[in-house]
């Protein structure tokens, strides 16, 4: 995630746009947001279509940039509680989740701006990142101790997917010997692709040995469309042919090292760069460039290439009707590539998002908001990405933020020793999805009989476990009134309800027998049960 004022500003989720999130309920052939209108009152009729299936879910995650490098050194009790909030799948004595059960964790592989200090050109020490590569070419895997603590904490709490991502190659390999670019030019030296690949192999092996965690995905390029020349953080632009050359080089070295790690690309800065050139002709149309079989930049033959292309949802969330249309273009482009390549497993990961910019007046990314306004906006974006782009992964940007933006699930004091932390409703609203939609669940169809298409007041999605009859429904109620959800499936038995609202953080409620469920105003609700 990047705080670029010049980039279109921050993107977010409108308050009344995402209040009820029932696990991925879809509308007939396409997932359409449905709502209750004034003429229909407060009753909503919902039918699950269990044999209408969409994407299989891979994971929900967040990143350790940048605060985890410091918070991971805090007092054990404090940081363990934070780790529980992010990763725990345990329930308290009332049956309410103790954490949001993230199933993926993004590990920032630093480029050495920390070691450079003030000479790095990055003024804020909390935006710098430590590298395992020393100035003399040796490696020190006792570094990044705070980040490695969170890696181990996530692993102990059941996280399975770990993504190592780079904003820049190590400064020793860059053209300007800094970790950000000059005048928007690719900063990795043209003769250092092999060295960068070798560095990543060393990092994968060293992290496995020092933290006991395998980085099972490696993402060497992040938001390659941007110039990264302002010194605000580590970063480098890349052109598509450079990404492919780097990918092929890394793939060869992964094969030689006999590592199972998958290579992930392209972390596009905005989703439209996946299917169109936009204003970046050598950095756009990345689905067509990378995943069509006949292109010079095709990566389909690489043995370690993940078949999930990735992008970030910044600046494409408002107005909602436009955001839905843009996401349908991703689905169309991927389906076209599937047919052309024969790769039925080709998919899409939404690999980074937080609320940035003014979002057409819906919500502004500046200033913290620990309440439901931002939480409902987050839930709207999750709904759009899952139900219109068929995203099989959804990752928030900063798990921990020390800043005055709407960018953190948990906020922390900017202190090097033990400090305080502050839970946001965004944490718990994401938990309505991440805690219950587990890897391997598949999104299923839904039909709301008395709703209108493209209305954001009630957003419903549904998923089922492919190994059992478990079903999850997430509903976002963006209105100020209670909605009575009447379920039309006689074979559906709902047992539990989990509510995030002004009053509750994933609070558990037992459901009485019957087919009607109350959805509280301005809330995100998860329903779980069995579809026999």
Protein backbone atom coordinates (compact mmCIF):
# COMPACT_ATOMS: atom_id res chain seq x y z
CA UNK A 1 0.00 0.00 0.00
CA UNK A 2 1.31 3.40 -0.82
CA UNK A 3 0.39 6.84 0.40
CA UNK A 4 0.67 8.65 -2.94
CA UNK A 5 -1.13 11.93 -3.08
CA UNK A 6 -0.37 12.00 -6.80
CA UNK A 7 -1.75 8.57 -7.48
CA UNK A 8 -5.46 9.33 -7.18
CA UNK A 9 -5.51 9.29 -3.46
CA UNK A 10 -6.86 6.70 -1.12
CA UNK A 11 -9.79 4.41 -1.69
CA UNK A 12 -12.40 3.21 0.76
CA UNK A 13 -15.77 1.86 1.57
CA UNK A 14 -18.87 4.00 1.98
CA UNK A 15 -20.59 3.88 5.30
CA UNK A 16 -23.97 2.64 4.30
CA UNK A 17 -22.57 0.61 1.45
CA UNK A 18 -21.52 -2.46 3.36
CA UNK A 19 -23.39 -3.17 6.50
CA UNK A 20 -24.63 -6.74 6.29
CA UNK A 21 -22.23 -9.32 4.91
CA UNK A 22 -23.75 -12.73 4.65
CA UNK A 23 -21.19 -15.17 3.42
CA UNK A 24 -21.13 -14.90 -0.30
CA UNK A 25 -24.69 -15.15 -1.39
CA UNK A 26 -24.83 -14.72 -5.17
CA UNK A 27 -27.57 -13.69 -7.50
CA UNK A 28 -28.30 -16.30 -10.17
CA UNK A 29 -25.70 -16.43 -12.96
CA UNK A 30 -23.84 -13.45 -11.63
CA UNK A 31 -23.35 -12.25 -8.11
CA UNK A 32 -25.42 -9.09 -7.85
CA UNK A 33 -25.86 -6.95 -4.78
CA UNK A 34 -29.52 -6.95 -3.80
CA UNK A 35 -31.43 -4.73 -1.45
CA UNK A 36 -34.70 -4.17 0.22
CA UNK A 37 -36.66 -1.24 -1.16
CA UNK A 38 -39.17 0.91 0.70
CA UNK A 39 -42.05 -0.87 -1.01
CA UNK A 40 -40.98 -4.28 0.29
CA UNK A 41 -40.56 -3.26 3.90
CA UNK A 42 -37.95 -4.92 6.08
CA UNK A 43 -38.34 -8.53 4.93
CA UNK A 44 -35.75 -10.07 2.62
CA UNK A 45 -36.27 -13.50 1.01
CA UNK A 46 -33.00 -15.36 0.45
CA UNK A 47 -32.43 -18.62 -1.38
CA UNK A 48 -29.09 -20.39 -1.61
CA UNK A 49 -28.32 -22.13 -4.91
CA UNK A 50 -25.91 -24.80 -3.78
CA UNK A 51 -25.22 -26.29 -7.21
CA UNK A 52 -24.29 -22.91 -8.71
CA UNK A 53 -20.61 -22.55 -7.88
CA UNK A 54 -17.94 -19.94 -8.50
CA UNK A 55 -14.35 -19.57 -7.24
CA UNK A 56 -12.68 -21.77 -4.64
CA UNK A 57 -11.26 -19.60 -1.86
CA UNK A 58 -7.54 -19.64 -1.14
CA UNK A 59 -7.11 -17.29 1.81
CA UNK A 60 -7.68 -13.97 3.57
CA UNK A 61 -4.62 -12.07 4.76
CA UNK A 62 -2.80 -8.87 5.69
CA UNK A 63 0.81 -7.64 5.61
CA UNK A 64 3.45 -7.07 8.28
CA UNK A 65 4.65 -3.77 6.79
CA UNK A 66 5.76 -1.61 8.49
CA UNK A 67 4.96 -1.61 12.20
CA UNK A 68 5.52 -5.30 12.87
CA UNK A 69 9.29 -4.80 12.78
CA UNK A 70 8.90 -2.78 16.01
CA UNK A 71 5.76 -4.28 17.59
CA UNK A 72 7.32 -7.73 17.24
CA UNK A 73 9.91 -6.57 19.80
CA UNK A 74 7.34 -5.36 22.35
CA UNK A 75 6.43 -7.06 25.61
CA UNK A 76 5.45 -10.70 25.03
CA UNK A 77 1.97 -10.37 26.54
CA UNK A 78 1.07 -7.33 24.47
CA UNK A 79 2.28 -8.65 21.13
CA UNK A 80 0.79 -12.09 21.81
CA UNK A 81 -2.61 -10.50 22.31
CA UNK A 82 -2.22 -8.64 19.02
CA UNK A 83 -1.26 -11.90 17.29
CA UNK A 84 -4.35 -13.57 18.76
CA UNK A 85 -6.55 -10.81 17.34
CA UNK A 86 -5.09 -11.35 13.88
CA UNK A 87 -4.66 -15.11 13.69
CA UNK A 88 -6.52 -16.99 16.42
CA UNK A 89 -9.29 -19.40 15.49
CA UNK A 90 -10.27 -20.02 19.12
CA UNK A 91 -13.60 -19.11 20.69
CA UNK A 92 -14.22 -17.54 24.08
CA UNK A 93 -16.56 -19.00 26.70
CA UNK A 94 -19.57 -17.42 24.96
CA UNK A 95 -18.66 -18.92 21.59
CA UNK A 96 -17.41 -15.62 20.13
CA UNK A 97 -14.15 -15.60 18.12
CA UNK A 98 -11.07 -14.34 19.94
CA UNK A 99 -9.49 -13.29 16.63
CA UNK A 100 -10.24 -13.02 12.94
CA UNK A 101 -8.38 -16.19 11.89
CA UNK A 102 -6.37 -14.83 8.96
CA UNK A 103 -5.26 -17.67 6.69
CA UNK A 104 -2.44 -15.78 4.91
CA UNK A 105 0.35 -13.46 6.02
CA UNK A 106 2.40 -11.16 3.80
CA UNK A 107 6.05 -10.79 4.85
CA UNK A 108 7.82 -7.62 3.69
CA UNK A 109 11.27 -8.59 2.39
CA UNK A 110 13.18 -5.39 3.07
CA UNK A 111 15.73 -3.86 0.73
CA UNK A 112 18.04 -2.37 3.37
CA UNK A 113 16.77 1.19 3.86
CA UNK A 114 16.97 0.56 7.63
CA UNK A 115 20.69 -0.16 7.39
CA UNK A 116 21.18 2.96 5.27
CA UNK A 117 19.47 5.10 7.90
CA UNK A 118 19.16 8.77 7.01
CA UNK A 119 21.21 8.18 3.87
CA UNK A 120 18.34 6.04 2.58
CA UNK A 121 16.40 9.18 1.68
CA UNK A 122 13.34 7.76 3.45
CA UNK A 123 12.75 10.19 6.29
CA UNK A 124 10.35 8.11 8.38
CA UNK A 125 12.20 5.22 10.09
CA UNK A 126 8.89 3.34 10.33
CA UNK A 127 8.71 3.26 6.52
CA UNK A 128 12.19 1.78 6.17
CA UNK A 129 12.79 -1.97 6.05
CA UNK A 130 15.65 -4.19 7.15
CA UNK A 131 17.48 -6.51 4.76
CA UNK A 132 19.05 -9.88 5.48
CA UNK A 133 21.85 -8.98 3.06
CA UNK A 134 24.84 -7.23 4.62
CA UNK A 135 27.00 -4.67 2.90
CA UNK A 136 29.84 -7.17 2.48
CA UNK A 137 27.59 -9.68 0.70
CA UNK A 138 27.05 -11.98 3.71
CA UNK A 139 23.64 -12.78 5.19
CA UNK A 140 22.35 -12.30 8.72
CA UNK A 141 19.05 -14.05 9.49
CA UNK A 142 18.93 -12.71 13.02
CA UNK A 143 17.71 -9.47 11.43
CA UNK A 144 14.06 -8.48 11.02
CA UNK A 145 13.51 -10.02 14.47
CA UNK A 146 10.15 -8.33 15.00
CA UNK A 147 8.83 -9.48 11.63
CA UNK A 148 10.10 -13.00 12.20
CA UNK A 149 8.30 -13.07 15.57
CA UNK A 150 5.00 -12.39 13.80
CA UNK A 151 5.81 -15.04 11.18
CA UNK A 152 6.22 -17.61 13.94
CA UNK A 153 3.15 -16.34 15.82
CA UNK A 154 1.03 -16.68 12.68
CA UNK A 155 2.37 -20.17 12.01
CA UNK A 156 1.67 -21.31 15.58
CA UNK A 157 -1.92 -20.09 15.26
CA UNK A 158 -2.61 -22.07 12.11
CA UNK A 159 -1.76 -19.76 9.18
CA UNK A 160 -0.74 -21.85 6.17
CA UNK A 161 0.02 -19.38 3.38
CA UNK A 162 3.01 -17.02 3.69
CA UNK A 163 3.82 -14.58 0.90
CA UNK A 164 7.20 -12.90 0.79
CA UNK A 165 6.85 -9.62 -1.13
CA UNK A 166 9.46 -7.09 -2.27
CA UNK A 167 8.98 -3.39 -2.83
CA UNK A 168 12.56 -3.08 -4.07
CA UNK A 169 15.60 -5.19 -4.76
CA UNK A 170 18.36 -4.75 -2.12
CA UNK A 171 20.08 -1.39 -2.49
CA UNK A 172 23.32 -3.20 -3.40
CA UNK A 173 21.61 -4.26 -6.67
CA UNK A 174 19.93 -1.01 -7.66
CA UNK A 175 21.07 1.57 -10.19
CA UNK A 176 21.09 4.47 -7.72
CA UNK A 177 22.09 2.39 -4.65
CA UNK A 178 18.85 3.47 -3.00
CA UNK A 179 15.66 1.51 -2.37
CA UNK A 180 13.44 3.83 -4.40
CA UNK A 181 13.77 4.82 -8.04
CA UNK A 182 15.06 7.86 -9.91
CA UNK A 183 12.75 9.61 -12.40
CA UNK A 184 10.45 6.61 -12.69
CA UNK A 185 13.10 4.29 -14.13
CA UNK A 186 13.41 0.62 -13.22
CA UNK A 187 15.85 0.56 -10.32
CA UNK A 188 17.13 -3.03 -10.54
CA UNK A 189 20.38 -3.03 -12.51
CA UNK A 190 19.97 -4.83 -15.84
CA UNK A 191 22.85 -7.22 -15.08
CA UNK A 192 21.63 -8.07 -11.56
CA UNK A 193 18.53 -10.19 -12.29
CA UNK A 194 20.41 -13.38 -11.37
CA UNK A 195 21.73 -11.76 -8.20
CA UNK A 196 18.24 -10.64 -7.16
CA UNK A 197 16.88 -14.13 -7.80
CA UNK A 198 19.73 -15.67 -5.79
CA UNK A 199 18.98 -13.24 -2.96
CA UNK A 200 15.33 -14.35 -2.88
CA UNK A 201 16.35 -18.02 -2.77
CA UNK A 202 18.63 -17.22 0.17
CA UNK A 203 15.79 -15.38 1.93
CA UNK A 204 13.35 -18.28 1.48
CA UNK A 205 15.91 -20.75 2.83
CA UNK A 206 17.09 -18.45 5.63
CA UNK A 207 13.59 -17.60 6.87
CA UNK A 208 12.69 -21.29 6.88
CA UNK A 209 15.75 -22.07 8.98
CA UNK A 210 15.52 -19.11 11.37
CA UNK A 211 11.74 -18.86 11.81
CA UNK A 212 10.57 -22.35 10.86
CA UNK A 213 8.23 -20.89 8.23
CA UNK A 214 8.27 -21.59 4.50
CA UNK A 215 7.45 -18.62 2.30
CA UNK A 216 5.29 -20.66 -0.05
CA UNK A 217 4.76 -17.68 -2.36
CA UNK A 218 7.28 -15.09 -3.50
CA UNK A 219 6.19 -11.78 -5.05
CA UNK A 220 9.25 -9.91 -6.38
CA UNK A 221 7.44 -6.90 -7.90
CA UNK A 222 4.89 -4.63 -6.25
CA UNK A 223 2.75 -2.00 -8.00
CA UNK A 224 5.12 -1.73 -11.00
CA UNK A 225 3.00 0.98 -12.65
CA UNK A 226 4.04 3.71 -10.23
CA UNK A 227 7.25 5.74 -10.48
CA UNK A 228 8.39 5.25 -6.86
CA UNK A 229 10.67 8.26 -7.01
CA UNK A 230 9.51 10.39 -4.08
CA UNK A 231 11.44 8.67 -1.28
CA UNK A 232 8.31 7.96 0.76
CA UNK A 233 9.10 4.26 1.01
CA UNK A 234 10.91 1.44 -0.77
CA UNK A 235 9.68 0.82 -4.32
CA UNK A 236 10.58 0.36 -7.98
CA UNK A 237 8.69 0.50 -11.28
CA UNK A 238 8.98 -2.34 -13.82
CA UNK A 239 7.81 -2.90 -17.38
CA UNK A 240 6.05 -6.12 -18.30
CA UNK A 241 9.03 -7.57 -20.20
CA UNK A 242 11.27 -6.88 -17.18
CA UNK A 243 8.81 -8.61 -14.84
CA UNK A 244 8.81 -11.65 -17.12
CA UNK A 245 12.60 -11.73 -17.38
CA UNK A 246 12.86 -11.55 -13.61
CA UNK A 247 10.17 -14.21 -13.22
CA UNK A 248 11.94 -16.61 -15.56
CA UNK A 249 15.21 -16.05 -13.71
CA UNK A 250 13.64 -16.70 -10.30
CA UNK A 251 11.79 -19.76 -11.63
CA UNK A 252 15.07 -21.29 -12.84
CA UNK A 253 16.70 -20.78 -9.46
CA UNK A 254 13.66 -22.14 -7.57
CA UNK A 255 13.96 -25.29 -9.69
CA UNK A 256 17.68 -25.57 -8.98
CA UNK A 257 17.12 -25.13 -5.23
CA UNK A 258 14.30 -27.72 -5.24
CA UNK A 259 12.02 -25.32 -3.39
CA UNK A 260 8.20 -25.67 -3.55
CA UNK A 261 7.65 -21.90 -3.38
CA UNK A 262 5.32 -20.48 -6.03
CA UNK A 263 6.06 -17.28 -7.94
CA UNK A 264 3.31 -14.65 -7.73
CA UNK A 265 2.80 -11.73 -10.13
CA UNK A 266 2.01 -8.94 -10.86
CA UNK A 267 0.65 -6.97 -7.87
CA UNK A 268 -0.80 -4.33 -10.23
CA UNK A 269 -1.28 -0.95 -8.56
CA UNK A 270 -4.88 -0.78 -9.78
CA UNK A 271 -7.13 -3.54 -11.06
CA UNK A 272 -7.65 -1.93 -14.50
CA UNK A 273 -4.00 -2.57 -15.37
CA UNK A 274 -4.83 -6.26 -15.46
CA UNK A 275 -7.14 -5.96 -18.47
CA UNK A 276 -6.25 -2.61 -20.13
CA UNK A 277 -3.19 -0.52 -20.89
CA UNK A 278 -4.63 2.58 -19.29
CA UNK A 279 -1.93 5.24 -19.42
CA UNK A 280 0.87 2.67 -19.02
CA UNK A 281 1.24 0.86 -22.37
CA UNK A 282 4.26 -1.18 -21.29
CA UNK A 283 2.92 -1.93 -17.82
CA UNK A 284 -0.74 -2.77 -18.44
CA UNK A 285 -2.95 -5.53 -19.94
CA UNK A 286 -1.14 -7.95 -17.66
CA UNK A 287 -3.62 -10.82 -17.90
CA UNK A 288 -3.29 -10.82 -21.68
CA UNK A 289 0.48 -10.26 -21.54
CA UNK A 290 1.29 -12.92 -18.97
CA UNK A 291 -1.40 -15.59 -19.26
CA UNK A 292 -2.23 -15.87 -22.95
CA UNK A 293 -0.26 -18.68 -24.62
CA UNK A 294 1.06 -16.89 -27.70
CA UNK A 295 2.55 -13.69 -26.25
CA UNK A 296 6.23 -12.88 -25.94
CA UNK A 297 5.64 -12.19 -22.24
CA UNK A 298 3.72 -15.39 -21.48
CA UNK A 299 4.68 -17.08 -18.20
CA UNK A 300 2.41 -20.09 -18.65
CA UNK A 301 5.29 -22.53 -19.10
CA UNK A 302 7.08 -21.63 -15.86
CA UNK A 303 6.98 -24.55 -13.44
CA UNK A 304 6.74 -22.42 -10.28
CA UNK A 305 4.35 -19.77 -11.57
CA UNK A 306 1.20 -19.34 -9.53
CA UNK A 307 -1.83 -19.24 -11.79
CA UNK A 308 -3.45 -16.48 -9.78
CA UNK A 309 -2.70 -13.03 -11.15
CA UNK A 310 -2.82 -10.33 -8.47
CA UNK A 311 -3.81 -6.66 -8.26
CA UNK A 312 -4.75 -4.02 -5.70
CA UNK A 313 -8.24 -2.55 -5.34
CA UNK A 314 -7.13 1.02 -4.68
CA UNK A 315 -9.02 3.87 -6.37
CA UNK A 316 -11.58 1.58 -8.04
CA UNK A 317 -14.24 1.18 -5.36
CA UNK A 318 -16.51 4.15 -6.06
CA UNK A 319 -19.04 4.72 -7.34
CA UNK A 320 -20.11 1.15 -6.71
CA UNK A 321 -21.70 0.54 -10.11
CA UNK A 322 -18.40 1.49 -11.78
CA UNK A 323 -16.43 -0.66 -9.37
CA UNK A 324 -18.61 -3.68 -10.14
CA UNK A 325 -18.22 -3.15 -13.89
CA UNK A 326 -14.42 -2.94 -13.60
CA UNK A 327 -14.31 -6.15 -11.62
CA UNK A 328 -16.46 -7.96 -14.16
CA UNK A 329 -13.82 -7.03 -16.75
CA UNK A 330 -11.24 -8.93 -14.68
CA UNK A 331 -13.47 -11.98 -14.65
CA UNK A 332 -14.03 -11.73 -18.41
CA UNK A 333 -10.31 -11.35 -19.15
CA UNK A 334 -9.41 -14.30 -16.95
CA UNK A 335 -12.12 -16.50 -18.47
CA UNK A 336 -10.82 -15.62 -21.95
CA UNK A 337 -7.29 -16.56 -20.89
CA UNK A 338 -8.54 -19.81 -19.36
CA UNK A 339 -10.07 -20.88 -22.67
CA UNK A 340 -7.06 -19.81 -24.74
CA UNK A 341 -4.46 -21.40 -22.44
CA UNK A 342 -6.38 -24.43 -21.23
CA UNK A 343 -5.43 -23.46 -17.67
CA UNK A 344 -8.68 -24.04 -15.80
CA UNK A 345 -7.06 -23.05 -12.50
CA UNK A 346 -6.23 -19.51 -13.62
CA UNK A 347 -7.64 -17.11 -11.04
CA UNK A 348 -7.40 -13.74 -9.34
CA UNK A 349 -6.00 -12.57 -6.00
CA UNK A 350 -6.84 -9.15 -4.57
CA UNK A 351 -3.53 -8.85 -2.77
CA UNK A 352 -3.62 -5.39 -1.18
CA UNK A 353 -6.17 -2.78 -0.14
CA UNK A 354 -6.93 -0.13 2.43
CA UNK A 355 -9.11 2.97 2.29
CA UNK A 356 -7.30 5.73 0.38
CA UNK A 357 -8.41 8.88 -1.41
CA UNK A 358 -11.77 10.63 -1.39
CA UNK A 359 -13.67 7.85 -3.19
CA UNK A 360 -16.06 10.17 -5.04
CA UNK A 361 -17.09 11.66 -1.74
CA UNK A 362 -18.17 8.35 -0.22
CA UNK A 363 -15.38 8.17 2.34
CA UNK A 364 -12.01 9.84 2.82
CA UNK A 365 -8.90 7.80 3.57
CA UNK A 366 -7.38 10.43 5.83
CA UNK A 367 -7.69 10.07 9.61
CA UNK A 368 -8.29 6.97 11.68
CA UNK A 369 -11.78 5.62 12.14
CA UNK A 370 -12.16 2.86 14.70
CA UNK A 371 -15.91 2.65 14.10
CA UNK A 372 -18.40 1.14 11.69
CA UNK A 373 -18.24 3.71 8.89
CA UNK A 374 -14.91 2.37 7.62
CA UNK A 375 -15.82 -1.19 8.56
CA UNK A 376 -18.89 -1.12 6.34
CA UNK A 377 -16.84 0.32 3.48
CA UNK A 378 -14.26 -2.45 3.86
CA UNK A 379 -17.05 -5.02 3.77
CA UNK A 380 -18.43 -3.50 0.57
CA UNK A 381 -15.05 -3.81 -1.14
CA UNK A 382 -14.67 -7.43 -0.02
CA UNK A 383 -18.13 -8.17 -1.40
CA UNK A 384 -17.36 -6.57 -4.77
CA UNK A 385 -14.00 -8.31 -5.13
CA UNK A 386 -15.39 -11.73 -4.21
CA UNK A 387 -18.67 -11.53 -6.10
CA UNK A 388 -17.77 -9.54 -9.22
CA UNK A 389 -14.06 -10.26 -9.79
CA UNK A 390 -14.27 -13.82 -8.40
CA UNK A 391 -11.25 -13.12 -6.20
CA UNK A 392 -10.06 -16.27 -4.44
CA UNK A 393 -7.87 -14.31 -2.01
CA UNK A 394 -8.37 -10.96 -0.29
CA UNK A 395 -5.55 -9.18 1.56
CA UNK A 396 -5.66 -6.00 3.62
CA UNK A 397 -2.61 -3.71 3.56
CA UNK A 398 -1.35 -2.89 7.09
CA UNK A 399 -2.25 -5.36 9.79
CA UNK A 400 -0.82 -2.82 12.24
CA UNK A 401 -0.72 0.92 11.58
CA UNK A 402 0.92 3.74 13.50
CA UNK A 403 -0.56 6.36 11.18
CA UNK A 404 -3.54 8.68 10.97
CA UNK A 405 -5.07 6.97 7.94
CA UNK A 406 -7.77 4.36 7.43
CA UNK A 407 -5.10 1.78 6.74
CA UNK A 408 -4.89 -0.45 9.83
CA UNK A 409 -6.83 -3.37 11.20
CA UNK A 410 -5.18 -2.61 14.54
CA UNK A 411 -3.58 0.73 15.43
CA UNK A 412 -0.48 1.02 17.59
CA UNK A 413 1.49 3.72 19.34
CA UNK A 414 4.56 4.74 17.38
CA UNK A 415 6.99 3.64 20.05
CA UNK A 416 10.02 1.37 19.93
CA UNK A 417 9.35 -0.09 23.36
CA UNK A 418 6.05 -1.56 24.48
CA UNK A 419 3.06 0.61 23.62
CA UNK A 420 -0.70 0.46 23.39
CA UNK A 421 -2.86 -0.98 20.63
CA UNK A 422 -6.38 -0.10 19.48
CA UNK A 423 -8.78 -2.48 17.76
CA UNK A 424 -10.77 -1.11 14.83
CA UNK A 425 -14.16 -2.28 13.61
CA UNK A 426 -12.41 -2.92 10.28
CA UNK A 427 -10.57 -5.76 12.01
CA UNK A 428 -13.79 -7.41 13.09
CA UNK A 429 -15.70 -6.75 9.86
CA UNK A 430 -12.93 -8.48 7.92
CA UNK A 431 -13.25 -11.27 10.47
CA UNK A 432 -16.86 -11.81 9.41
CA UNK A 433 -15.30 -13.16 6.22
CA UNK A 434 -11.82 -14.39 7.16
CA UNK A 435 -12.71 -16.30 10.33
CA UNK A 436 -15.43 -18.39 8.67
CA UNK A 437 -14.64 -18.66 4.94
CA UNK A 438 -11.77 -21.07 5.15
CA UNK A 439 -9.33 -22.14 2.40
CA UNK A 440 -11.08 -24.60 0.09
CA UNK A 441 -14.58 -23.19 0.59
CA UNK A 442 -16.40 -22.45 -2.64
CA UNK A 443 -18.67 -19.51 -3.34
CA UNK A 444 -22.22 -20.51 -4.21
CA UNK A 445 -25.17 -18.77 -5.82
CA UNK A 446 -27.85 -16.84 -4.02
CA UNK A 447 -31.14 -15.32 -5.04
CA UNK A 448 -32.82 -12.46 -3.22
CA UNK A 449 -36.41 -12.36 -4.40
CA UNK A 450 -37.34 -8.82 -3.44
CA UNK A 451 -34.20 -6.81 -4.12
CA UNK A 452 -32.95 -4.47 -6.82
CA UNK A 453 -29.67 -5.02 -8.72
CA UNK A 454 -26.72 -2.74 -8.01
CA UNK A 455 -28.13 -1.51 -4.71
CA UNK A 456 -25.59 -1.46 -1.93
CA UNK A 457 -27.90 -1.28 1.07
CA UNK A 458 -27.82 -5.05 1.60
CA UNK A 459 -24.91 -7.15 0.31
CA UNK A 460 -25.13 -10.91 0.68
CA UNK A 461 -22.72 -13.68 -0.32
CA UNK A 462 -22.54 -17.38 0.53
CA UNK A 463 -19.95 -20.17 0.64
CA UNK A 464 -19.89 -23.86 1.40
CA UNK A 465 -17.25 -26.30 2.54
CA UNK A 466 -16.58 -28.76 -0.28
CA UNK A 467 -15.70 -31.49 2.22
CA UNK A 468 -18.85 -31.24 4.32
CA UNK A 469 -22.29 -29.67 4.31
CA UNK A 470 -21.18 -26.53 6.17
CA UNK A 471 -22.40 -23.24 4.77
CA UNK A 472 -21.43 -19.65 5.55
CA UNK A 473 -23.50 -16.58 4.72
CA UNK A 474 -22.17 -13.04 5.16
CA UNK A 475 -24.59 -10.12 5.07
CA UNK A 476 -23.72 -6.44 5.14
CA UNK A 477 -26.64 -4.24 6.21
CA UNK A 478 -25.89 -0.66 5.24
CA UNK A 479 -29.23 0.72 6.37
CA UNK A 480 -30.44 2.21 9.64
CA UNK A 481 -33.19 -0.37 10.06
CA UNK A 482 -33.39 -4.03 11.01
CA UNK A 483 -33.72 -6.39 8.03
CA UNK A 484 -35.55 -9.66 8.54
CA UNK A 485 -33.90 -12.32 6.46
CA UNK A 486 -36.29 -15.09 5.53
CA UNK A 487 -34.50 -18.19 4.24
CA UNK A 488 -36.22 -20.15 1.49
CA UNK A 489 -34.16 -23.36 1.68
CA UNK A 490 -35.93 -25.98 3.76
CA UNK A 491 -32.77 -28.08 3.83
CA UNK A 492 -30.77 -25.18 5.27
CA UNK A 493 -30.28 -25.36 9.03
CA UNK A 494 -28.59 -22.28 10.51
CA UNK A 495 -27.14 -22.65 13.99
CA UNK A 496 -25.03 -19.60 14.77
CA UNK A 497 -24.92 -15.86 14.10
CA UNK A 498 -21.89 -13.58 14.54
CA UNK A 499 -22.45 -9.82 14.55
CA UNK A 500 -20.08 -6.88 14.11
CA UNK A 501 -21.74 -3.52 14.81
CA UNK A 502 -21.29 -0.46 16.99
CA UNK A 503 -22.07 -2.69 19.99
CA UNK A 504 -20.48 -6.00 19.02
CA UNK A 505 -17.20 -7.46 17.73
CA UNK A 506 -18.06 -10.77 16.06
CA UNK A 507 -20.43 -11.44 18.94
CA UNK A 508 -21.90 -14.95 18.87
CA UNK A 509 -25.63 -15.61 19.11
CA UNK A 510 -27.40 -18.95 19.01
CA UNK A 511 -30.14 -19.09 16.40
CA UNK A 512 -33.54 -20.36 17.41
CA UNK A 513 -35.26 -22.86 15.15
CA UNK A 514 -36.98 -21.21 12.23
CA UNK A 515 -36.14 -19.60 8.93
CA UNK A 516 -36.01 -15.91 9.85
CA UNK A 517 -32.93 -14.04 11.01
CA UNK A 518 -32.73 -10.41 12.11
CA UNK A 519 -29.90 -8.35 10.64
CA UNK A 520 -29.10 -5.36 12.81
CA UNK A 521 -28.71 -1.85 11.35
CA UNK A 522 -25.24 -0.84 10.13
CA UNK A 523 -23.77 -4.26 10.76
CA UNK A 524 -21.92 -7.16 9.24
CA UNK A 525 -23.41 -10.53 10.10
CA UNK A 526 -22.12 -14.03 9.48
CA UNK A 527 -24.49 -16.99 9.61
CA UNK A 528 -23.20 -20.57 9.77
CA UNK A 529 -25.01 -23.86 9.47
CA UNK A 530 -25.64 -26.91 7.33
CA UNK A 531 -27.11 -27.18 3.83
CA UNK A 532 -28.25 -30.78 3.54
